[in-house]
N, C-alpha and C. Protein backbone atom coordinates (compact mmCIF):
# COMPACT_ATOMS: atom_id res chain seq x y z
N MET A 1 53.14 70.91 187.98
CA MET A 1 53.41 69.58 187.48
C MET A 1 54.64 69.64 186.57
N VAL A 2 55.58 68.78 186.82
CA VAL A 2 56.82 68.75 186.05
C VAL A 2 56.75 67.57 185.10
N LEU A 3 56.99 67.86 183.81
CA LEU A 3 56.98 66.79 182.82
C LEU A 3 58.40 66.30 182.59
N PRO A 4 58.53 65.04 182.26
CA PRO A 4 59.87 64.56 181.93
C PRO A 4 60.43 65.37 180.76
N ARG A 5 61.70 65.41 180.65
CA ARG A 5 62.38 66.22 179.66
C ARG A 5 61.95 65.92 178.23
N ARG A 6 61.71 64.67 177.89
CA ARG A 6 61.37 64.33 176.50
C ARG A 6 60.01 64.92 176.10
N PHE A 7 59.06 65.06 177.04
CA PHE A 7 57.76 65.65 176.71
C PHE A 7 57.92 67.14 176.41
N GLY A 8 58.84 67.79 177.09
CA GLY A 8 59.09 69.21 176.85
C GLY A 8 59.54 69.47 175.43
N TRP A 9 60.45 68.64 174.93
CA TRP A 9 60.93 68.78 173.56
C TRP A 9 59.83 68.51 172.55
N GLN A 10 58.96 67.55 172.84
CA GLN A 10 57.85 67.26 171.91
C GLN A 10 56.90 68.45 171.82
N TRP A 11 56.57 69.04 172.96
CA TRP A 11 55.68 70.20 172.95
C TRP A 11 56.33 71.37 172.24
N LEU A 12 57.59 71.57 172.50
CA LEU A 12 58.31 72.67 171.85
C LEU A 12 58.36 72.46 170.34
N SER A 13 58.58 71.23 169.91
CA SER A 13 58.62 70.92 168.47
C SER A 13 57.26 71.16 167.82
N MET A 14 56.20 70.74 168.51
CA MET A 14 54.86 70.94 167.96
C MET A 14 54.51 72.42 167.89
N LEU A 15 54.89 73.18 168.90
CA LEU A 15 54.62 74.61 168.92
C LEU A 15 55.39 75.30 167.79
N LEU A 16 56.63 74.93 167.60
CA LEU A 16 57.44 75.50 166.53
C LEU A 16 56.84 75.17 165.16
N ALA A 17 56.40 73.93 164.98
CA ALA A 17 55.78 73.53 163.71
C ALA A 17 54.51 74.33 163.45
N LEU A 18 53.71 74.55 164.48
CA LEU A 18 52.48 75.32 164.34
C LEU A 18 52.77 76.77 163.96
N VAL A 19 53.76 77.36 164.61
CA VAL A 19 54.14 78.74 164.30
C VAL A 19 54.63 78.84 162.86
N LEU A 20 55.48 77.92 162.45
CA LEU A 20 55.98 77.93 161.07
C LEU A 20 54.84 77.76 160.06
N LEU A 21 53.90 76.90 160.39
CA LEU A 21 52.76 76.68 159.51
C LEU A 21 51.93 77.95 159.36
N LEU A 22 51.67 78.60 160.47
CA LEU A 22 50.86 79.81 160.43
C LEU A 22 51.57 80.97 159.75
N VAL A 23 52.88 81.06 159.92
CA VAL A 23 53.63 82.18 159.35
C VAL A 23 53.89 81.99 157.86
N PHE A 24 54.27 80.79 157.45
CA PHE A 24 54.70 80.58 156.07
C PHE A 24 53.67 79.92 155.16
N ALA A 25 52.54 79.54 155.69
CA ALA A 25 51.53 78.88 154.85
C ALA A 25 50.95 79.87 153.86
N ARG A 26 50.82 79.42 152.65
CA ARG A 26 50.20 80.25 151.62
C ARG A 26 48.74 79.85 151.49
N PRO A 27 47.89 80.81 151.14
CA PRO A 27 46.48 80.45 150.98
C PRO A 27 46.29 79.51 149.80
N ALA A 28 45.33 78.64 149.93
CA ALA A 28 45.03 77.72 148.83
C ALA A 28 44.43 78.52 147.68
N ILE A 29 44.85 78.20 146.50
CA ILE A 29 44.31 78.87 145.32
C ILE A 29 43.13 78.05 144.84
N ALA A 30 41.98 78.64 144.92
CA ALA A 30 40.77 77.93 144.50
C ALA A 30 40.62 78.04 142.99
N GLU A 31 40.39 76.91 142.36
CA GLU A 31 40.15 76.91 140.93
C GLU A 31 38.72 77.35 140.70
N PRO A 32 38.49 78.19 139.70
CA PRO A 32 37.11 78.58 139.44
C PRO A 32 36.29 77.37 139.01
N GLU A 33 35.06 77.34 139.44
CA GLU A 33 34.20 76.20 139.12
C GLU A 33 33.65 76.40 137.71
N THR A 34 34.25 75.72 136.76
CA THR A 34 33.87 75.90 135.37
C THR A 34 32.90 74.86 134.88
N ASN A 35 32.53 73.91 135.72
CA ASN A 35 31.64 72.86 135.26
C ASN A 35 30.23 73.01 135.79
N ASN A 36 29.89 74.19 136.28
CA ASN A 36 28.59 74.36 136.87
C ASN A 36 27.89 75.60 136.31
N TYR A 37 26.87 75.34 135.48
CA TYR A 37 26.04 76.41 134.95
C TYR A 37 24.67 76.36 135.63
N SER A 38 24.56 75.69 136.77
CA SER A 38 23.29 75.56 137.47
C SER A 38 22.76 76.92 137.89
N ASN A 39 21.45 77.07 137.78
CA ASN A 39 20.75 78.30 138.14
C ASN A 39 21.19 79.52 137.34
N LEU A 40 21.91 79.29 136.26
CA LEU A 40 22.33 80.39 135.39
C LEU A 40 21.12 80.94 134.64
N ILE A 41 20.99 82.23 134.60
CA ILE A 41 19.96 82.86 133.77
C ILE A 41 20.72 83.70 132.75
N ARG A 42 20.75 83.20 131.51
CA ARG A 42 21.54 83.86 130.48
C ARG A 42 20.86 83.64 129.14
N ASN A 43 20.07 84.57 128.71
CA ASN A 43 19.37 84.46 127.45
C ASN A 43 20.30 84.82 126.30
N GLY A 44 20.24 84.02 125.23
CA GLY A 44 21.03 84.29 124.05
C GLY A 44 22.50 83.93 124.16
N ILE A 45 22.91 83.20 125.18
CA ILE A 45 24.32 82.82 125.36
C ILE A 45 24.78 81.93 124.20
N ASP A 46 26.01 82.12 123.75
CA ASP A 46 26.56 81.32 122.65
C ASP A 46 27.60 80.35 123.20
N LEU A 47 27.22 79.07 123.25
CA LEU A 47 28.13 78.00 123.67
C LEU A 47 28.30 77.00 122.54
N SER A 48 28.14 77.47 121.32
CA SER A 48 28.24 76.58 120.17
C SER A 48 29.65 76.01 120.06
N HIS A 49 29.73 74.76 119.66
CA HIS A 49 31.00 74.04 119.43
C HIS A 49 31.85 73.90 120.70
N GLU A 50 31.29 74.15 121.87
CA GLU A 50 32.04 74.05 123.13
C GLU A 50 32.01 72.62 123.66
N ASP A 51 33.04 72.24 124.41
CA ASP A 51 33.06 70.95 125.09
C ASP A 51 32.48 71.16 126.48
N LEU A 52 31.22 70.77 126.64
CA LEU A 52 30.50 70.94 127.90
C LEU A 52 30.15 69.58 128.50
N SER A 53 30.93 68.58 128.15
CA SER A 53 30.64 67.23 128.62
C SER A 53 30.71 67.17 130.14
N GLY A 54 29.70 66.53 130.72
CA GLY A 54 29.64 66.37 132.16
C GLY A 54 29.26 67.62 132.94
N MET A 55 28.95 68.69 132.25
CA MET A 55 28.61 69.94 132.92
C MET A 55 27.23 69.88 133.56
N LEU A 56 27.01 70.74 134.53
CA LEU A 56 25.73 70.83 135.22
C LEU A 56 24.98 72.07 134.75
N PHE A 57 23.74 71.85 134.31
CA PHE A 57 22.86 72.94 133.89
C PHE A 57 21.54 72.83 134.66
N VAL A 58 21.60 72.44 135.91
CA VAL A 58 20.40 72.22 136.72
C VAL A 58 19.68 73.55 136.93
N SER A 59 18.42 73.60 136.56
CA SER A 59 17.58 74.79 136.69
C SER A 59 18.14 76.01 135.95
N ALA A 60 18.95 75.77 134.93
CA ALA A 60 19.47 76.89 134.14
C ALA A 60 18.38 77.42 133.22
N GLU A 61 18.35 78.72 133.04
CA GLU A 61 17.40 79.34 132.12
C GLU A 61 18.21 80.00 131.01
N MET A 62 18.18 79.36 129.84
CA MET A 62 19.00 79.81 128.72
C MET A 62 18.14 79.90 127.46
N ARG A 63 17.22 80.84 127.46
CA ARG A 63 16.34 81.03 126.31
C ARG A 63 17.15 81.52 125.12
N LYS A 64 16.81 81.00 123.95
CA LYS A 64 17.47 81.36 122.69
C LYS A 64 18.99 81.16 122.74
N ALA A 65 19.43 80.23 123.54
CA ALA A 65 20.87 79.92 123.63
C ALA A 65 21.31 79.19 122.38
N ASN A 66 22.56 79.37 122.00
CA ASN A 66 23.12 78.66 120.86
C ASN A 66 24.09 77.59 121.37
N LEU A 67 23.66 76.33 121.27
CA LEU A 67 24.48 75.19 121.68
C LEU A 67 24.72 74.28 120.48
N GLU A 68 24.73 74.87 119.30
CA GLU A 68 24.93 74.10 118.07
C GLU A 68 26.26 73.36 118.11
N GLU A 69 26.20 72.06 117.78
CA GLU A 69 27.39 71.20 117.72
C GLU A 69 28.15 71.13 119.06
N ALA A 70 27.52 71.49 120.15
CA ALA A 70 28.19 71.43 121.47
C ALA A 70 28.27 69.98 121.94
N ASN A 71 29.33 69.67 122.67
CA ASN A 71 29.49 68.35 123.27
C ASN A 71 28.91 68.42 124.68
N LEU A 72 27.72 67.84 124.84
CA LEU A 72 27.02 67.82 126.12
C LEU A 72 26.88 66.39 126.63
N ARG A 73 27.83 65.53 126.26
CA ARG A 73 27.77 64.13 126.70
C ARG A 73 27.77 64.07 128.23
N ASN A 74 26.83 63.28 128.76
CA ASN A 74 26.71 63.06 130.20
C ASN A 74 26.47 64.34 131.01
N ALA A 75 26.00 65.38 130.36
CA ALA A 75 25.65 66.61 131.07
C ALA A 75 24.33 66.43 131.80
N ILE A 76 24.09 67.26 132.79
CA ILE A 76 22.84 67.21 133.54
C ILE A 76 22.09 68.51 133.30
N LEU A 77 20.94 68.40 132.62
CA LEU A 77 20.14 69.57 132.28
C LEU A 77 18.80 69.58 133.03
N THR A 78 18.70 68.87 134.11
CA THR A 78 17.46 68.74 134.88
C THR A 78 16.83 70.10 135.16
N LEU A 79 15.53 70.20 134.90
CA LEU A 79 14.73 71.40 135.15
C LEU A 79 15.20 72.62 134.36
N GLY A 80 15.98 72.40 133.31
CA GLY A 80 16.46 73.52 132.51
C GLY A 80 15.37 74.11 131.63
N VAL A 81 15.50 75.39 131.34
CA VAL A 81 14.59 76.09 130.44
C VAL A 81 15.41 76.52 129.22
N PHE A 82 15.13 75.87 128.09
CA PHE A 82 15.88 76.13 126.86
C PHE A 82 14.91 76.51 125.74
N LEU A 83 14.06 77.46 126.02
CA LEU A 83 13.04 77.93 125.09
C LEU A 83 13.70 78.49 123.84
N ASP A 84 13.31 77.98 122.67
CA ASP A 84 13.84 78.44 121.37
C ASP A 84 15.37 78.32 121.27
N ALA A 85 15.97 77.40 121.99
CA ALA A 85 17.43 77.21 121.95
C ALA A 85 17.83 76.36 120.75
N ASN A 86 19.06 76.55 120.30
CA ASN A 86 19.58 75.82 119.15
C ASN A 86 20.55 74.73 119.61
N PHE A 87 20.09 73.48 119.51
CA PHE A 87 20.92 72.31 119.83
C PHE A 87 21.25 71.53 118.56
N HIS A 88 21.20 72.18 117.40
CA HIS A 88 21.43 71.47 116.14
C HIS A 88 22.80 70.77 116.17
N GLY A 89 22.79 69.46 115.94
CA GLY A 89 24.02 68.69 115.88
C GLY A 89 24.71 68.49 117.22
N ALA A 90 24.08 68.89 118.30
CA ALA A 90 24.70 68.75 119.63
C ALA A 90 24.73 67.27 120.04
N ASP A 91 25.73 66.91 120.82
CA ASP A 91 25.85 65.54 121.33
C ASP A 91 25.38 65.52 122.78
N LEU A 92 24.17 65.01 122.98
CA LEU A 92 23.56 64.89 124.30
C LEU A 92 23.54 63.43 124.76
N SER A 93 24.45 62.64 124.24
CA SER A 93 24.49 61.21 124.59
C SER A 93 24.72 61.04 126.08
N GLY A 94 23.90 60.20 126.70
CA GLY A 94 24.04 59.91 128.11
C GLY A 94 23.63 61.04 129.03
N ALA A 95 23.08 62.11 128.47
CA ALA A 95 22.71 63.27 129.29
C ALA A 95 21.43 63.01 130.08
N LEU A 96 21.31 63.67 131.20
CA LEU A 96 20.10 63.61 132.02
C LEU A 96 19.26 64.83 131.68
N LEU A 97 18.13 64.59 131.01
CA LEU A 97 17.29 65.66 130.48
C LEU A 97 15.91 65.62 131.10
N ASP A 98 15.81 65.27 132.36
CA ASP A 98 14.48 65.14 132.96
C ASP A 98 13.88 66.51 133.30
N ARG A 99 12.60 66.62 133.01
CA ARG A 99 11.81 67.82 133.28
C ARG A 99 12.38 69.07 132.61
N VAL A 100 12.96 68.89 131.42
CA VAL A 100 13.50 70.02 130.66
C VAL A 100 12.36 70.69 129.89
N PHE A 101 12.38 72.00 129.84
CA PHE A 101 11.39 72.78 129.11
C PHE A 101 12.10 73.40 127.91
N TRP A 102 11.81 72.84 126.71
CA TRP A 102 12.48 73.39 125.53
C TRP A 102 11.55 73.53 124.35
N VAL A 103 10.41 74.14 124.59
CA VAL A 103 9.46 74.42 123.52
C VAL A 103 10.13 75.32 122.49
N GLY A 104 9.98 74.94 121.22
CA GLY A 104 10.55 75.72 120.13
C GLY A 104 12.03 75.50 119.89
N ALA A 105 12.64 74.59 120.62
CA ALA A 105 14.08 74.33 120.46
C ALA A 105 14.36 73.53 119.20
N ASP A 106 15.59 73.59 118.73
CA ASP A 106 16.03 72.86 117.54
C ASP A 106 16.97 71.74 117.97
N LEU A 107 16.48 70.50 117.91
CA LEU A 107 17.30 69.32 118.21
C LEU A 107 17.62 68.56 116.93
N SER A 108 17.53 69.23 115.79
CA SER A 108 17.78 68.55 114.53
C SER A 108 19.21 68.03 114.49
N ASP A 109 19.37 66.82 114.01
CA ASP A 109 20.66 66.15 113.85
C ASP A 109 21.42 65.97 115.17
N ALA A 110 20.72 66.12 116.29
CA ALA A 110 21.36 65.95 117.60
C ALA A 110 21.46 64.47 117.97
N LEU A 111 22.43 64.15 118.81
CA LEU A 111 22.58 62.80 119.34
C LEU A 111 22.03 62.77 120.75
N LEU A 112 21.01 61.94 120.96
CA LEU A 112 20.44 61.75 122.29
C LEU A 112 20.55 60.27 122.68
N VAL A 113 21.60 59.63 122.22
CA VAL A 113 21.83 58.21 122.45
C VAL A 113 21.99 57.97 123.96
N GLU A 114 21.20 57.06 124.49
CA GLU A 114 21.23 56.68 125.91
C GLU A 114 20.96 57.85 126.85
N ALA A 115 20.31 58.89 126.36
CA ALA A 115 19.92 60.01 127.22
C ALA A 115 18.68 59.62 128.01
N THR A 116 18.49 60.25 129.15
CA THR A 116 17.30 60.04 129.97
C THR A 116 16.49 61.33 129.94
N ALA A 117 15.31 61.24 129.31
CA ALA A 117 14.46 62.43 129.15
C ALA A 117 13.07 62.15 129.69
N THR A 118 12.98 61.85 130.97
CA THR A 118 11.68 61.57 131.57
C THR A 118 11.01 62.88 131.99
N ARG A 119 9.68 62.87 131.92
CA ARG A 119 8.86 64.03 132.24
C ARG A 119 9.32 65.28 131.50
N THR A 120 9.76 65.07 130.26
CA THR A 120 10.20 66.16 129.40
C THR A 120 9.29 66.20 128.19
N SER A 121 8.82 67.38 127.85
CA SER A 121 7.95 67.53 126.68
C SER A 121 8.77 67.96 125.47
N PHE A 122 8.52 67.30 124.35
CA PHE A 122 9.19 67.65 123.10
C PHE A 122 8.22 68.37 122.17
N GLN A 123 7.20 69.00 122.72
CA GLN A 123 6.22 69.72 121.92
C GLN A 123 6.89 70.89 121.21
N ASP A 124 6.62 71.01 119.91
CA ASP A 124 7.18 72.09 119.08
C ASP A 124 8.71 72.09 119.04
N VAL A 125 9.33 70.93 119.22
CA VAL A 125 10.78 70.81 119.13
C VAL A 125 11.12 70.15 117.80
N ASN A 126 12.07 70.72 117.06
CA ASN A 126 12.50 70.16 115.79
C ASN A 126 13.43 68.97 116.07
N ILE A 127 12.99 67.76 115.69
CA ILE A 127 13.78 66.55 115.94
C ILE A 127 14.24 65.90 114.64
N THR A 128 14.18 66.61 113.53
CA THR A 128 14.57 66.05 112.24
C THR A 128 16.01 65.54 112.29
N GLY A 129 16.20 64.25 112.03
CA GLY A 129 17.53 63.66 112.01
C GLY A 129 18.13 63.39 113.38
N ALA A 130 17.38 63.61 114.44
CA ALA A 130 17.91 63.34 115.79
C ALA A 130 17.98 61.83 116.03
N ASP A 131 18.99 61.38 116.74
CA ASP A 131 19.17 59.96 117.05
C ASP A 131 18.87 59.72 118.53
N PHE A 132 17.76 59.01 118.79
CA PHE A 132 17.30 58.70 120.15
C PHE A 132 17.61 57.25 120.55
N THR A 133 18.57 56.61 119.90
CA THR A 133 18.86 55.21 120.17
C THR A 133 19.09 54.97 121.67
N ASP A 134 18.33 54.01 122.22
CA ASP A 134 18.43 53.61 123.63
C ASP A 134 18.16 54.73 124.63
N ALA A 135 17.52 55.81 124.18
CA ALA A 135 17.15 56.88 125.11
C ALA A 135 15.94 56.44 125.94
N ILE A 136 15.86 56.93 127.15
CA ILE A 136 14.73 56.64 128.01
C ILE A 136 13.77 57.82 127.94
N LEU A 137 12.59 57.55 127.38
CA LEU A 137 11.56 58.58 127.20
C LEU A 137 10.26 58.09 127.80
N ASP A 138 9.40 59.02 128.19
CA ASP A 138 8.05 58.63 128.60
C ASP A 138 7.35 58.06 127.37
N ARG A 139 6.57 57.02 127.58
CA ARG A 139 5.89 56.35 126.46
C ARG A 139 5.03 57.32 125.66
N TYR A 140 4.32 58.20 126.35
CA TYR A 140 3.47 59.17 125.65
C TYR A 140 4.32 60.06 124.74
N GLU A 141 5.43 60.57 125.24
CA GLU A 141 6.30 61.43 124.43
C GLU A 141 6.88 60.67 123.25
N GLN A 142 7.26 59.42 123.48
CA GLN A 142 7.81 58.60 122.40
C GLN A 142 6.79 58.46 121.28
N LYS A 143 5.53 58.23 121.63
CA LYS A 143 4.48 58.11 120.61
C LYS A 143 4.25 59.43 119.90
N GLN A 144 4.28 60.53 120.62
CA GLN A 144 4.11 61.85 120.00
C GLN A 144 5.28 62.16 119.06
N LEU A 145 6.48 61.79 119.45
CA LEU A 145 7.65 62.01 118.60
C LEU A 145 7.56 61.18 117.33
N CYS A 146 7.03 59.97 117.44
CA CYS A 146 6.90 59.10 116.26
C CYS A 146 5.96 59.70 115.22
N LEU A 147 5.00 60.51 115.65
CA LEU A 147 4.06 61.12 114.71
C LEU A 147 4.74 62.11 113.76
N ARG A 148 5.87 62.65 114.16
CA ARG A 148 6.56 63.64 113.32
C ARG A 148 8.03 63.33 113.09
N ALA A 149 8.44 62.12 113.44
CA ALA A 149 9.85 61.73 113.26
C ALA A 149 10.18 61.58 111.78
N GLU A 150 11.27 62.21 111.37
CA GLU A 150 11.75 62.10 109.99
C GLU A 150 13.24 62.42 109.96
N GLY A 151 13.85 62.02 108.89
CA GLY A 151 15.26 62.32 108.70
C GLY A 151 16.19 61.24 109.22
N VAL A 152 17.46 61.40 108.86
CA VAL A 152 18.52 60.47 109.24
C VAL A 152 19.65 61.28 109.86
N ASN A 153 20.18 60.81 110.95
CA ASN A 153 21.27 61.51 111.61
C ASN A 153 22.53 61.45 110.76
N SER A 154 23.16 62.58 110.54
CA SER A 154 24.33 62.65 109.66
C SER A 154 25.57 61.98 110.25
N LYS A 155 25.63 61.85 111.56
CA LYS A 155 26.82 61.24 112.20
C LYS A 155 26.70 59.73 112.34
N THR A 156 25.49 59.26 112.71
CA THR A 156 25.31 57.83 112.97
C THR A 156 24.66 57.09 111.81
N GLY A 157 24.00 57.81 110.92
CA GLY A 157 23.28 57.18 109.81
C GLY A 157 22.00 56.49 110.24
N VAL A 158 21.55 56.74 111.46
CA VAL A 158 20.34 56.12 112.00
C VAL A 158 19.15 57.04 111.75
N ALA A 159 18.07 56.45 111.23
CA ALA A 159 16.84 57.22 111.00
C ALA A 159 16.19 57.55 112.34
N THR A 160 15.65 58.74 112.44
CA THR A 160 15.00 59.17 113.68
C THR A 160 13.88 58.21 114.06
N ARG A 161 13.07 57.80 113.08
CA ARG A 161 11.97 56.87 113.37
C ARG A 161 12.49 55.56 113.95
N ASP A 162 13.57 55.04 113.37
CA ASP A 162 14.14 53.78 113.86
C ASP A 162 14.70 53.94 115.28
N SER A 163 15.35 55.06 115.54
CA SER A 163 15.95 55.27 116.87
C SER A 163 14.89 55.40 117.96
N LEU A 164 13.69 55.82 117.56
CA LEU A 164 12.58 55.95 118.52
C LEU A 164 11.78 54.66 118.66
N GLY A 165 12.08 53.69 117.80
CA GLY A 165 11.33 52.43 117.83
C GLY A 165 9.90 52.58 117.34
N CYS A 166 9.71 53.49 116.38
CA CYS A 166 8.37 53.72 115.83
C CYS A 166 7.93 52.52 115.00
N ALA A 167 6.65 52.20 115.10
CA ALA A 167 6.11 51.06 114.35
C ALA A 167 5.81 51.44 112.92
C-alpha cells in the first residue's frame, strides 16, 4: 500500500519526535511525601512547635509523642494512637479526631475549635484550659468532659467549661 507523500512526512515527524522524547527525556523527580504520617509507628517522636497543618496521621501510633504547641489545623488523626502524648498548647482546630485513642494524653491549653472528635474517648486526658468551641463531640463524652472541665485557654480567653457548653 502506497501512502500519499504528505502522510509519509507526518509518520516520519512523529517517529522522530518519539525517538527524541525517549532519548532526551529526563526522569521525573518525585517530591518526597512530607504530609503523610499515616501508619507511622514512632514512639517518643518530637514534633513540638512544628507546622503539621493538613497532615495525615491516619492509624499512626505515636505513644509518648511530643506535639507541644504544634500546628495541627485541619489535620486528620483518624484511628491514631497517642497514648501519653503531649499536645499542650497544640492547635487542632478543624482537625478530624474520630476514633482517636489518647488515654493519658495532655491536651491542656490546646485549641480544638471546630474539631470533629466522634467515637473518641477523652478518659484520663488532661483538658485544663482546652478550647472546644464548636467542636463536634459525642454527647456522652461532652458530659464526661464537663465533669472535669476547668481553666481558661491562654490564646482565646475562653473557659473550657463554656467551650463545651456545660450547664
